[in-house]
Amino acid sequence: MITTVKKTARTGAEAPAVPVPVTGLAYVRQSIEAHTASIAHDAAHEASSLCRAIHTAASDAFTSDRDDATAAAGALAAPEVQDMITEASECLDIARDYLRRLTQYDPPF
């Protein structure tokens, strides 16, 4: 939000800042930036949730059968876990893409 400061005529002291509403292109660009940041956050959050599920599958297999040296690897090779791994990777790619977009904006003011 852009604000302006005015000095009073009598004392020369600063009057309280009066907010100037953001409109037009500046508003649209701020909206784009906010939504872009939101998409980056959502994609990273979903990747995190998927990684947690992947980690749980591997650690559950590891702790349930410590005598089997391939238990965790076997759990990770399961088709449903492989699907989660692929989806988590794609979510991270989207998060990275949208974060990069945030570095390409010029301030609208």
PDB file of N, CA and C in Angstrom:
ATOM      1  N   MET A   1       0.833  -1.158   0.000  1.00  0.00           N
ATOM      2  CA  MET A   1       0.000   0.000   0.000  1.00  0.00           C
ATOM      3  C   MET A   1       0.886   1.230   0.000  1.00  0.00           C
ATOM      4  N   ILE A   2       0.543   2.241  -0.755  1.00  0.00           N
ATOM      5  CA  ILE A   2       1.294   3.475  -0.856  1.00  0.00           C
ATOM      6  C   ILE A   2       0.663   4.479   0.109  1.00  0.00           C
ATOM      7  N   THR A   3       1.499   5.187   0.868  1.00  0.00           N
ATOM      8  CA  THR A   3       0.981   6.210   1.763  1.00  0.00           C
ATOM      9  C   THR A   3       1.680   7.521   1.481  1.00  0.00           C
ATOM     10  N   THR A   4       1.007   8.587   1.841  1.00  0.00           N
ATOM     11  CA  THR A   4       1.612   9.910   1.692  1.00  0.00           C
ATOM     12  C   THR A   4       1.627  10.582   3.053  1.00  0.00           C
ATOM     13  N   VAL A   5       2.596  11.450   3.236  1.00  0.00           N
ATOM     14  CA  VAL A   5       2.704  12.205   4.478  1.00  0.00           C
ATOM     15  C   VAL A   5       2.585  13.675   4.122  1.00  0.00           C
ATOM     16  N   LYS A   6       1.706  14.375   4.833  1.00  0.00           N
ATOM     17  CA  LYS A   6       1.535  15.805   4.607  1.00  0.00           C
ATOM     18  C   LYS A   6       1.959  16.552   5.858  1.00  0.00           C
ATOM     19  N   LYS A   7       2.502  17.760   5.660  1.00  0.00           N
ATOM     20  CA  LYS A   7       2.855  18.602   6.792  1.00  0.00           C
ATOM     21  C   LYS A   7       1.736  19.618   6.994  1.00  0.00           C
ATOM     22  N   THR A   8       1.438  19.880   8.260  1.00  0.00           N
ATOM     23  CA  THR A   8       0.398  20.865   8.542  1.00  0.00           C
ATOM     24  C   THR A   8       0.944  22.254   8.258  1.00  0.00           C
ATOM     25  N   ALA A   9       0.066  23.132   7.798  1.00  0.00           N
ATOM     26  CA  ALA A   9       0.477  24.479   7.401  1.00  0.00           C
ATOM     27  C   ALA A   9       0.925  25.301   8.595  1.00  0.00           C
ATOM     28  N   ARG A  10       0.257  25.166   9.724  1.00  0.00           N
ATOM     29  CA  ARG A  10       0.561  25.998  10.876  1.00  0.00           C
ATOM     30  C   ARG A  10       1.848  25.614  11.581  1.00  0.00           C
ATOM     31  N   THR A  11       2.018  24.355  11.887  1.00  0.00           N
ATOM     32  CA  THR A  11       3.154  23.947  12.717  1.00  0.00           C
ATOM     33  C   THR A  11       4.293  23.330  11.925  1.00  0.00           C
ATOM     34  N   GLY A  12       4.023  22.877  10.740  1.00  0.00           N
ATOM     35  CA  GLY A  12       5.055  22.208   9.960  1.00  0.00           C
ATOM     36  C   GLY A  12       5.264  20.770  10.397  1.00  0.00           C
ATOM     37  N   ALA A  13       4.487  20.316  11.398  1.00  0.00           N
ATOM     38  CA  ALA A  13       4.597  18.933  11.876  1.00  0.00           C
ATOM     39  C   ALA A  13       3.936  17.993  10.871  1.00  0.00           C
ATOM     40  N   GLU A  14       4.366  16.779  10.922  1.00  0.00           N
ATOM     41  CA  GLU A  14       3.791  15.803  10.004  1.00  0.00           C
ATOM     42  C   GLU A  14       2.411  15.374  10.493  1.00  0.00           C
ATOM     43  N   ALA A  15       1.464  15.396   9.588  1.00  0.00           N
ATOM     44  CA  ALA A  15       0.125  14.892   9.884  1.00  0.00           C
ATOM     45  C   ALA A  15       0.157  13.375   9.728  1.00  0.00           C
ATOM     46  N   PRO A  16      -0.805  12.679  10.294  1.00  0.00           N
ATOM     47  CA  PRO A  16      -0.827  11.221  10.132  1.00  0.00           C
ATOM     48  C   PRO A  16      -0.845  10.836   8.657  1.00  0.00           C
ATOM     49  N   ALA A  17      -0.186   9.751   8.367  1.00  0.00           N
ATOM     50  CA  ALA A  17      -0.139   9.266   6.986  1.00  0.00           C
ATOM     51  C   ALA A  17      -1.544   8.899   6.523  1.00  0.00           C
ATOM     52  N   VAL A  18      -1.855   9.329   5.319  1.00  0.00           N
ATOM     53  CA  VAL A  18      -3.163   9.038   4.733  1.00  0.00           C
ATOM     54  C   VAL A  18      -2.961   7.953   3.683  1.00  0.00           C
ATOM     55  N   PRO A  19      -3.611   6.798   3.867  1.00  0.00           N
ATOM     56  CA  PRO A  19      -3.426   5.745   2.870  1.00  0.00           C
ATOM     57  C   PRO A  19      -4.000   6.141   1.515  1.00  0.00           C
ATOM     58  N   VAL A  20      -3.244   5.855   0.498  1.00  0.00           N
ATOM     59  CA  VAL A  20      -3.701   6.085  -0.869  1.00  0.00           C
ATOM     60  C   VAL A  20      -4.019   4.715  -1.447  1.00  0.00           C
ATOM     61  N   PRO A  21      -5.267   4.490  -1.851  1.00  0.00           N
ATOM     62  CA  PRO A  21      -5.600   3.160  -2.347  1.00  0.00           C
ATOM     63  C   PRO A  21      -4.815   2.810  -3.613  1.00  0.00           C
ATOM     64  N   VAL A  22      -4.422   1.554  -3.671  1.00  0.00           N
ATOM     65  CA  VAL A  22      -3.716   1.057  -4.845  1.00  0.00           C
ATOM     66  C   VAL A  22      -4.773   0.673  -5.872  1.00  0.00           C
ATOM     67  N   THR A  23      -4.632   1.198  -7.060  1.00  0.00           N
ATOM     68  CA  THR A  23      -5.610   0.923  -8.110  1.00  0.00           C
ATOM     69  C   THR A  23      -4.895   0.632  -9.424  1.00  0.00           C
ATOM     70  N   GLY A  24      -5.675   0.261 -10.404  1.00  0.00           N
ATOM     71  CA  GLY A  24      -5.160   0.074 -11.750  1.00  0.00           C
ATOM     72  C   GLY A  24      -4.106  -0.999 -11.839  1.00  0.00           C
ATOM     73  N   LEU A  25      -3.086  -0.722 -12.622  1.00  0.00           N
ATOM     74  CA  LEU A  25      -2.019  -1.689 -12.880  1.00  0.00           C
ATOM     75  C   LEU A  25      -1.301  -2.097 -11.595  1.00  0.00           C
ATOM     76  N   ALA A  26      -1.100  -1.145 -10.706  1.00  0.00           N
ATOM     77  CA  ALA A  26      -0.423  -1.470  -9.445  1.00  0.00           C
ATOM     78  C   ALA A  26      -1.224  -2.504  -8.660  1.00  0.00           C
ATOM     79  N   TYR A  27      -2.534  -2.355  -8.636  1.00  0.00           N
ATOM     80  CA  TYR A  27      -3.388  -3.318  -7.932  1.00  0.00           C
ATOM     81  C   TYR A  27      -3.311  -4.693  -8.598  1.00  0.00           C
ATOM     82  N   VAL A  28      -3.382  -4.709  -9.916  1.00  0.00           N
ATOM     83  CA  VAL A  28      -3.345  -5.971 -10.643  1.00  0.00           C
ATOM     84  C   VAL A  28      -2.012  -6.679 -10.408  1.00  0.00           C
ATOM     85  N   ARG A  29      -0.909  -5.947 -10.444  1.00  0.00           N
ATOM     86  CA  ARG A  29       0.402  -6.568 -10.241  1.00  0.00           C
ATOM     87  C   ARG A  29       0.558  -7.093  -8.818  1.00  0.00           C
ATOM     88  N   GLN A  30       0.028  -6.344  -7.844  1.00  0.00           N
ATOM     89  CA  GLN A  30       0.085  -6.829  -6.463  1.00  0.00           C
ATOM     90  C   GLN A  30      -0.740  -8.100  -6.313  1.00  0.00           C
ATOM     91  N   SER A  31      -1.878  -8.132  -6.986  1.00  0.00           N
ATOM     92  CA  SER A  31      -2.735  -9.316  -6.944  1.00  0.00           C
ATOM     93  C   SER A  31      -2.020 -10.514  -7.575  1.00  0.00           C
ATOM     94  N   ILE A  32      -1.370 -10.299  -8.688  1.00  0.00           N
ATOM     95  CA  ILE A  32      -0.618 -11.371  -9.349  1.00  0.00           C
ATOM     96  C   ILE A  32       0.474 -11.895  -8.428  1.00  0.00           C
ATOM     97  N   GLU A  33       1.207 -10.998  -7.804  1.00  0.00           N
ATOM     98  CA  GLU A  33       2.289 -11.401  -6.906  1.00  0.00           C
ATOM     99  C   GLU A  33       1.748 -12.196  -5.723  1.00  0.00           C
ATOM    100  N   ALA A  34       0.644 -11.743  -5.154  1.00  0.00           N
ATOM    101  CA  ALA A  34       0.062 -12.445  -4.007  1.00  0.00           C
ATOM    102  C   ALA A  34      -0.406 -13.837  -4.410  1.00  0.00           C
ATOM    103  N   HIS A  35      -1.058 -13.937  -5.566  1.00  0.00           N
ATOM    104  CA  HIS A  35      -1.534 -15.241  -6.018  1.00  0.00           C
ATOM    105  C   HIS A  35      -0.380 -16.162  -6.412  1.00  0.00           C
ATOM    106  N   THR A  36       0.650 -15.607  -7.008  1.00  0.00           N
ATOM    107  CA  THR A  36       1.824 -16.391  -7.380  1.00  0.00           C
ATOM    108  C   THR A  36       2.493 -16.958  -6.126  1.00  0.00           C
ATOM    109  N   ALA A  37       2.634 -16.120  -5.104  1.00  0.00           N
ATOM    110  CA  ALA A  37       3.215 -16.579  -3.840  1.00  0.00           C
ATOM    111  C   ALA A  37       2.343 -17.656  -3.208  1.00  0.00           C
ATOM    112  N   SER A  38       1.037 -17.510  -3.314  1.00  0.00           N
ATOM    113  CA  SER A  38       0.116 -18.488  -2.760  1.00  0.00           C
ATOM    114  C   SER A  38       0.246 -19.837  -3.466  1.00  0.00           C
ATOM    115  N   ILE A  39       0.359 -19.811  -4.784  1.00  0.00           N
ATOM    116  CA  ILE A  39       0.519 -21.062  -5.543  1.00  0.00           C
ATOM    117  C   ILE A  39       1.841 -21.729  -5.183  1.00  0.00           C
ATOM    118  N   ALA A  40       2.903 -20.952  -5.064  1.00  0.00           N
ATOM    119  CA  ALA A  40       4.201 -21.511  -4.673  1.00  0.00           C
ATOM    120  C   ALA A  40       4.092 -22.175  -3.300  1.00  0.00           C
ATOM    121  N   HIS A  41       3.437 -21.503  -2.381  1.00  0.00           N
ATOM    122  CA  HIS A  41       3.258 -22.050  -1.032  1.00  0.00           C
ATOM    123  C   HIS A  41       2.441 -23.335  -1.064  1.00  0.00           C
ATOM    124  N   ASP A  42       1.324 -23.312  -1.773  1.00  0.00           N
ATOM    125  CA  ASP A  42       0.463 -24.494  -1.839  1.00  0.00           C
ATOM    126  C   ASP A  42       1.193 -25.688  -2.457  1.00  0.00           C
ATOM    127  N   ALA A  43       1.939 -25.450  -3.520  1.00  0.00           N
ATOM    128  CA  ALA A  43       2.670 -26.537  -4.178  1.00  0.00           C
ATOM    129  C   ALA A  43       3.737 -27.105  -3.238  1.00  0.00           C
ATOM    130  N   ALA A  44       4.456 -26.242  -2.543  1.00  0.00           N
ATOM    131  CA  ALA A  44       5.482 -26.707  -1.605  1.00  0.00           C
ATOM    132  C   ALA A  44       4.845 -27.462  -0.439  1.00  0.00           C
ATOM    133  N   HIS A  45       3.704 -26.976   0.021  1.00  0.00           N
ATOM    134  CA  HIS A  45       3.004 -27.644   1.122  1.00  0.00           C
ATOM    135  C   HIS A  45       2.541 -29.043   0.704  1.00  0.00           C
ATOM    136  N   GLU A  46       1.993 -29.157  -0.492  1.00  0.00           N
ATOM    137  CA  GLU A  46       1.554 -30.466  -0.981  1.00  0.00           C
ATOM    138  C   GLU A  46       2.736 -31.410  -1.155  1.00  0.00           C
ATOM    139  N   ALA A  47       3.846 -30.897  -1.643  1.00  0.00           N
ATOM    140  CA  ALA A  47       5.052 -31.721  -1.771  1.00  0.00           C
ATOM    141  C   ALA A  47       5.499 -32.205  -0.393  1.00  0.00           C
ATOM    142  N   SER A  48       5.438 -31.333   0.586  1.00  0.00           N
ATOM    143  CA  SER A  48       5.812 -31.701   1.950  1.00  0.00           C
ATOM    144  C   SER A  48       4.911 -32.808   2.489  1.00  0.00           C
ATOM    145  N   SER A  49       3.610 -32.677   2.257  1.00  0.00           N
ATOM    146  CA  SER A  49       2.666 -33.704   2.720  1.00  0.00           C
ATOM    147  C   SER A  49       2.950 -35.049   2.061  1.00  0.00           C
ATOM    148  N   LEU A  50       3.226 -35.020   0.769  1.00  0.00           N
ATOM    149  CA  LEU A  50       3.553 -36.256   0.061  1.00  0.00           C
ATOM    150  C   LEU A  50       4.865 -36.856   0.566  1.00  0.00           C
ATOM    151  N   CYS A  51       5.855 -36.017   0.794  1.00  0.00           N
ATOM    152  CA  CYS A  51       7.139 -36.513   1.307  1.00  0.00           C
ATOM    153  C   CYS A  51       6.968 -37.127   2.692  1.00  0.00           C
ATOM    154  N   ARG A  52       6.090 -36.552   3.499  1.00  0.00           N
ATOM    155  CA  ARG A  52       5.820 -37.127   4.811  1.00  0.00           C
ATOM    156  C   ARG A  52       5.235 -38.533   4.668  1.00  0.00           C
ATOM    157  N   ALA A  53       4.295 -38.703   3.731  1.00  0.00           N
ATOM    158  CA  ALA A  53       3.691 -40.020   3.504  1.00  0.00           C
ATOM    159  C   ALA A  53       4.727 -41.013   2.976  1.00  0.00           C
ATOM    160  N   ILE A  54       5.605 -40.548   2.098  1.00  0.00           N
ATOM    161  CA  ILE A  54       6.668 -41.407   1.560  1.00  0.00           C
ATOM    162  C   ILE A  54       7.606 -41.840   2.691  1.00  0.00           C
ATOM    163  N   HIS A  55       7.994 -40.882   3.513  1.00  0.00           N
ATOM    164  CA  HIS A  55       8.874 -41.178   4.644  1.00  0.00           C
ATOM    165  C   HIS A  55       8.213 -42.164   5.609  1.00  0.00           C
ATOM    166  N   THR A  56       6.936 -41.979   5.870  1.00  0.00           N
ATOM    167  CA  THR A  56       6.213 -42.885   6.765  1.00  0.00           C
ATOM    168  C   THR A  56       6.203 -44.299   6.210  1.00  0.00           C
ATOM    169  N   ALA A  57       5.958 -44.443   4.908  1.00  0.00           N
ATOM    170  CA  ALA A  57       5.951 -45.774   4.288  1.00  0.00           C
ATOM    171  C   ALA A  57       7.308 -46.450   4.447  1.00  0.00           C
ATOM    172  N   ALA A  58       8.373 -45.713   4.202  1.00  0.00           N
ATOM    173  CA  ALA A  58       9.717 -46.289   4.297  1.00  0.00           C
ATOM    174  C   ALA A  58      10.082 -46.601   5.744  1.00  0.00           C
ATOM    175  N   SER A  59       9.806 -45.672   6.648  1.00  0.00           N
ATOM    176  CA  SER A  59      10.206 -45.905   8.041  1.00  0.00           C
ATOM    177  C   SER A  59       9.355 -46.984   8.698  1.00  0.00           C
ATOM    178  N   ASP A  60       8.068 -47.072   8.335  1.00  0.00           N
ATOM    179  CA  ASP A  60       7.231 -48.150   8.877  1.00  0.00           C
ATOM    180  C   ASP A  60       7.755 -49.514   8.432  1.00  0.00           C
ATOM    181  N   ALA A  61       8.115 -49.620   7.169  1.00  0.00           N
ATOM    182  CA  ALA A  61       8.653 -50.884   6.664  1.00  0.00           C
ATOM    183  C   ALA A  61       9.980 -51.212   7.348  1.00  0.00           C
ATOM    184  N   PHE A  62      10.804 -50.199   7.557  1.00  0.00           N
ATOM    185  CA  PHE A  62      12.106 -50.398   8.191  1.00  0.00           C
ATOM    186  C   PHE A  62      11.943 -50.865   9.637  1.00  0.00           C
ATOM    187  N   THR A  63      11.074 -50.205  10.386  1.00  0.00           N
ATOM    188  CA  THR A  63      10.928 -50.545  11.806  1.00  0.00           C
ATOM    189  C   THR A  63      10.138 -51.824  12.027  1.00  0.00           C
ATOM    190  N   SER A  64       9.285 -52.204  11.089  1.00  0.00           N
ATOM    191  CA  SER A  64       8.492 -53.424  11.278  1.00  0.00           C
ATOM    192  C   SER A  64       9.295 -54.688  10.994  1.00  0.00           C
ATOM    193  N   ASP A  65      10.309 -54.574  10.169  1.00  0.00           N
ATOM    194  CA  ASP A  65      11.100 -55.760   9.827  1.00  0.00           C
ATOM    195  C   ASP A  65      12.571 -55.372   9.703  1.00  0.00           C
ATOM    196  N   ARG A  66      13.214 -55.196  10.839  1.00  0.00           N
ATOM    197  CA  ARG A  66      14.622 -54.773  10.839  1.00  0.00           C
ATOM    198  C   ARG A  66      15.562 -55.869  10.339  1.00  0.00           C
ATOM    199  N   ASP A  67      15.085 -57.078  10.290  1.00  0.00           N
ATOM    200  CA  ASP A  67      15.926 -58.170   9.797  1.00  0.00           C
ATOM    201  C   ASP A  67      15.993 -58.202   8.273  1.00  0.00           C
ATOM    202  N   ASP A  68      15.042 -57.521   7.630  1.00  0.00           N
ATOM    203  CA  ASP A  68      15.018 -57.487   6.163  1.00  0.00           C
ATOM    204  C   ASP A  68      15.722 -56.213   5.694  1.00  0.00           C
ATOM    205  N   ALA A  69      16.893 -56.384   5.105  1.00  0.00           N
ATOM    206  CA  ALA A  69      17.696 -55.233   4.674  1.00  0.00           C
ATOM    207  C   ALA A  69      17.056 -54.462   3.531  1.00  0.00           C
ATOM    208  N   THR A  70      16.052 -55.046   2.888  1.00  0.00           N
ATOM    209  CA  THR A  70      15.424 -54.390   1.747  1.00  0.00           C
ATOM    210  C   THR A  70      13.985 -53.946   2.029  1.00  0.00           C
ATOM    211  N   ALA A  71      13.561 -53.998   3.291  1.00  0.00           N
ATOM    212  CA  ALA A  71      12.168 -53.667   3.628  1.00  0.00           C
ATOM    213  C   ALA A  71      11.816 -52.246   3.211  1.00  0.00           C
ATOM    214  N   ALA A  72      12.645 -51.280   3.572  1.00  0.00           N
ATOM    215  CA  ALA A  72      12.349 -49.884   3.230  1.00  0.00           C
ATOM    216  C   ALA A  72      12.378 -49.684   1.716  1.00  0.00           C
ATOM    217  N   ALA A  73      13.369 -50.267   1.060  1.00  0.00           N
ATOM    218  CA  ALA A  73      13.457 -50.146  -0.400  1.00  0.00           C
ATOM    219  C   ALA A  73      12.244 -50.782  -1.064  1.00  0.00           C
ATOM    220  N   GLY A  74      11.800 -51.900  -0.518  1.00  0.00           N
ATOM    221  CA  GLY A  74      10.618 -52.558  -1.065  1.00  0.00           C
ATOM    222  C   GLY A  74       9.375 -51.700  -0.923  1.00  0.00           C
ATOM    223  N   ALA A  75       9.252 -51.037   0.219  1.00  0.00           N
ATOM    224  CA  ALA A  75       8.108 -50.147   0.429  1.00  0.00           C
ATOM    225  C   ALA A  75       8.149 -48.982  -0.564  1.00  0.00           C
ATOM    226  N   LEU A  76       9.325 -48.466  -0.794  1.00  0.00           N
ATOM    227  CA  LEU A  76       9.461 -47.337  -1.731  1.00  0.00           C
ATOM    228  C   LEU A  76       9.233 -47.763  -3.177  1.00  0.00           C
ATOM    229  N   ALA A  77       9.417 -49.032  -3.473  1.00  0.00           N
ATOM    230  CA  ALA A  77       9.223 -49.524  -4.844  1.00  0.00           C
ATOM    231  C   ALA A  77       7.758 -49.805  -5.157  1.00  0.00           C
ATOM    232  N   ALA A  78       6.906 -49.788  -4.140  1.00  0.00           N
ATOM    233  CA  ALA A  78       5.483 -50.059  -4.366  1.00  0.00           C
ATOM    234  C   ALA A  78       4.911 -49.021  -5.331  1.00  0.00           C
ATOM    235  N   PRO A  79       4.049 -49.450  -6.260  1.00  0.00           N
ATOM    236  CA  PRO A  79       3.508 -48.525  -7.262  1.00  0.00           C
ATOM    237  C   PRO A  79       2.834 -47.278  -6.676  1.00  0.00           C
ATOM    238  N   GLU A  80       2.083 -47.444  -5.583  1.00  0.00           N
ATOM    239  CA  GLU A  80       1.401 -46.273  -5.007  1.00  0.00           C
ATOM    240  C   GLU A  80       2.394 -45.285  -4.391  1.00  0.00           C
ATOM    241  N   VAL A  81       3.497 -45.805  -3.848  1.00  0.00           N
ATOM    242  CA  VAL A  81       4.528 -44.917  -3.296  1.00  0.00           C
ATOM    243  C   VAL A  81       5.297 -44.261  -4.441  1.00  0.00           C
ATOM    244  N   GLN A  82       5.577 -45.003  -5.495  1.00  0.00           N
ATOM    245  CA  GLN A  82       6.233 -44.417  -6.666  1.00  0.00           C
ATOM    246  C   GLN A  82       5.388 -43.283  -7.249  1.00  0.00           C
ATOM    247  N   ASP A  83       4.067 -43.471  -7.267  1.00  0.00           N
ATOM    248  CA  ASP A  83       3.171 -42.406  -7.743  1.00  0.00           C
ATOM    249  C   ASP A  83       3.290 -41.168  -6.847  1.00  0.00           C
ATOM    250  N   MET A  84       3.374 -41.382  -5.530  1.00  0.00           N
ATOM    251  CA  MET A  84       3.527 -40.253  -4.602  1.00  0.00           C
ATOM    252  C   MET A  84       4.862 -39.551  -4.825  1.00  0.00           C
ATOM    253  N   ILE A  85       5.914 -40.325  -5.080  1.00  0.00           N
ATOM    254  CA  ILE A  85       7.236 -39.734  -5.330  1.00  0.00           C
ATOM    255  C   ILE A  85       7.194 -38.857  -6.582  1.00  0.00           C
ATOM    256  N   THR A  86       6.570 -39.355  -7.626  1.00  0.00           N
ATOM    257  CA  THR A  86       6.447 -38.584  -8.871  1.00  0.00           C
ATOM    258  C   THR A  86       5.639 -37.318  -8.639  1.00  0.00           C
ATOM    259  N   GLU A  87       4.536 -37.454  -7.930  1.00  0.00           N
ATOM    260  CA  GLU A  87       3.683 -36.294  -7.676  1.00  0.00           C
ATOM    261  C   GLU A  87       4.386 -35.262  -6.800  1.00  0.00           C
ATOM    262  N   ALA A  88       5.117 -35.713  -5.781  1.00  0.00           N
ATOM    263  CA  ALA A  88       5.863 -34.784  -4.923  1.00  0.00           C
ATOM    264  C   ALA A  88       6.905 -34.024  -5.739  1.00  0.00           C
ATOM    265  N   SER A  89       7.582 -34.723  -6.634  1.00  0.00           N
ATOM    266  CA  SER A  89       8.583 -34.085  -7.483  1.00  0.00           C
ATOM    267  C   SER A  89       7.946 -33.029  -8.384  1.00  0.00           C
ATOM    268  N   GLU A  90       6.785 -33.340  -8.950  1.00  0.00           N
ATOM    269  CA  GLU A  90       6.096 -32.373  -9.798  1.00  0.00           C
ATOM    270  C   GLU A  90       5.618 -31.166  -8.990  1.00  0.00           C
ATOM    271  N   CYS A  91       5.151 -31.394  -7.773  1.00  0.00           N
ATOM    272  CA  CYS A  91       4.749 -30.272  -6.913  1.00  0.00           C
ATOM    273  C   CYS A  91       5.942 -29.367  -6.616  1.00  0.00           C
ATOM    274  N   LEU A  92       7.107 -29.980  -6.364  1.00  0.00           N
ATOM    275  CA  LEU A  92       8.312 -29.177  -6.108  1.00  0.00           C
ATOM    276  C   LEU A  92       8.716 -28.378  -7.346  1.00  0.00           C
ATOM    277  N   ASP A  93       8.580 -28.981  -8.530  1.00  0.00           N
ATOM    278  CA  ASP A  93       8.877 -28.254  -9.766  1.00  0.00           C
ATOM    279  C   ASP A  93       7.974 -27.036  -9.913  1.00  0.00           C
ATOM    280  N   ILE A  94       6.696 -27.201  -9.604  1.00  0.00           N
ATOM    281  CA  ILE A  94       5.748 -26.087  -9.692  1.00  0.00           C
ATOM    282  C   ILE A  94       6.108 -25.014  -8.675  1.00  0.00           C
ATOM    283  N   ALA A  95       6.416 -25.422  -7.452  1.00  0.00           N
ATOM    284  CA  ALA A  95       6.793 -24.453  -6.418  1.00  0.00           C
ATOM    285  C   ALA A  95       8.019 -23.654  -6.855  1.00  0.00           C
ATOM    286  N   ARG A  96       9.012 -24.344  -7.385  1.00  0.00           N
ATOM    287  CA  ARG A  96      10.237 -23.676  -7.847  1.00  0.00           C
ATOM    288  C   ARG A  96       9.927 -22.702  -8.987  1.00  0.00           C
ATOM    289  N   ASP A  97       9.074 -23.119  -9.922  1.00  0.00           N
ATOM    290  CA  ASP A  97       8.703 -22.265 -11.052  1.00  0.00           C
ATOM    291  C   ASP A  97       8.012 -20.989 -10.568  1.00  0.00           C
ATOM    292  N   TYR A  98       7.069 -21.132  -9.665  1.00  0.00           N
ATOM    293  CA  TYR A  98       6.337 -19.959  -9.188  1.00  0.00           C
ATOM    294  C   TYR A  98       7.205 -19.066  -8.307  1.00  0.00           C
ATOM    295  N   LEU A  99       8.135 -19.636  -7.562  1.00  0.00           N
ATOM    296  CA  LEU A  99       9.062 -18.806  -6.794  1.00  0.00           C
ATOM    297  C   LEU A  99       9.966 -18.000  -7.727  1.00  0.00           C
ATOM    298  N   ARG A 100      10.390 -18.621  -8.818  1.00  0.00           N
ATOM    299  CA  ARG A 100      11.206 -17.888  -9.795  1.00  0.00           C
ATOM    300  C   ARG A 100      10.417 -16.743 -10.414  1.00  0.00           C
ATOM    301  N   ARG A 101       9.133 -16.958 -10.643  1.00  0.00           N
ATOM    302  CA  ARG A 101       8.308 -15.888 -11.208  1.00  0.00           C
ATOM    303  C   ARG A 101       8.278 -14.673 -10.289  1.00  0.00           C
ATOM    304  N   LEU A 102       8.338 -14.899  -8.985  1.00  0.00           N
ATOM    305  CA  LEU A 102       8.302 -13.778  -8.040  1.00  0.00           C
ATOM    306  C   LEU A 102       9.544 -12.910  -8.135  1.00  0.00           C
ATOM    307  N   THR A 103      10.648 -13.445  -8.646  1.00  0.00           N
ATOM    308  CA  THR A 103      11.869 -12.645  -8.769  1.00  0.00           C
ATOM    309  C   THR A 103      11.868 -11.828 -10.057  1.00  0.00           C
ATOM    310  N   GLN A 104      10.880 -12.025 -10.913  1.00  0.00           N
ATOM    311  CA  GLN A 104      10.845 -11.340 -12.203  1.00  0.00           C
ATOM    312  C   GLN A 104       9.982 -10.090 -12.208  1.00  0.00           C
ATOM    313  N   TYR A 105       9.344  -9.782 -11.083  1.00  0.00           N
ATOM    314  CA  TYR A 105       8.450  -8.624 -11.038  1.00  0.00           C
ATOM    315  C   TYR A 105       9.207  -7.362 -10.685  1.00  0.00           C
ATOM    316  N   ASP A 106       8.808  -6.268 -11.301  1.00  0.00           N
ATOM    317  CA  ASP A 106       9.298  -4.948 -10.932  1.00  0.00           C
ATOM    318  C   ASP A 106       8.241  -4.329 -10.042  1.00  0.00           C
ATOM    319  N   PRO A 107       8.642  -3.554  -9.040  1.00  0.00           N
ATOM    320  CA  PRO A 107       7.632  -2.901  -8.216  1.00  0.00           C
ATOM    321  C   PRO A 107       6.722  -2.029  -9.084  1.00  0.00           C
ATOM    322  N   PRO A 108       5.421  -2.044  -8.810  1.00  0.00           N
ATOM    323  CA  PRO A 108       4.475  -1.317  -9.656  1.00  0.00           C
ATOM    324  C   PRO A 108       4.383   0.164  -9.344  1.00  0.00           C
ATOM    325  N   PHE A 109       5.282   0.678  -8.528  1.00  0.00           N
ATOM    326  CA  PHE A 109       5.190   2.099  -8.173  1.00  0.00           C
ATOM    327  C   PHE A 109       6.527   2.787  -8.353  1.00  0.00           C
TER     328      PHE A 109
END
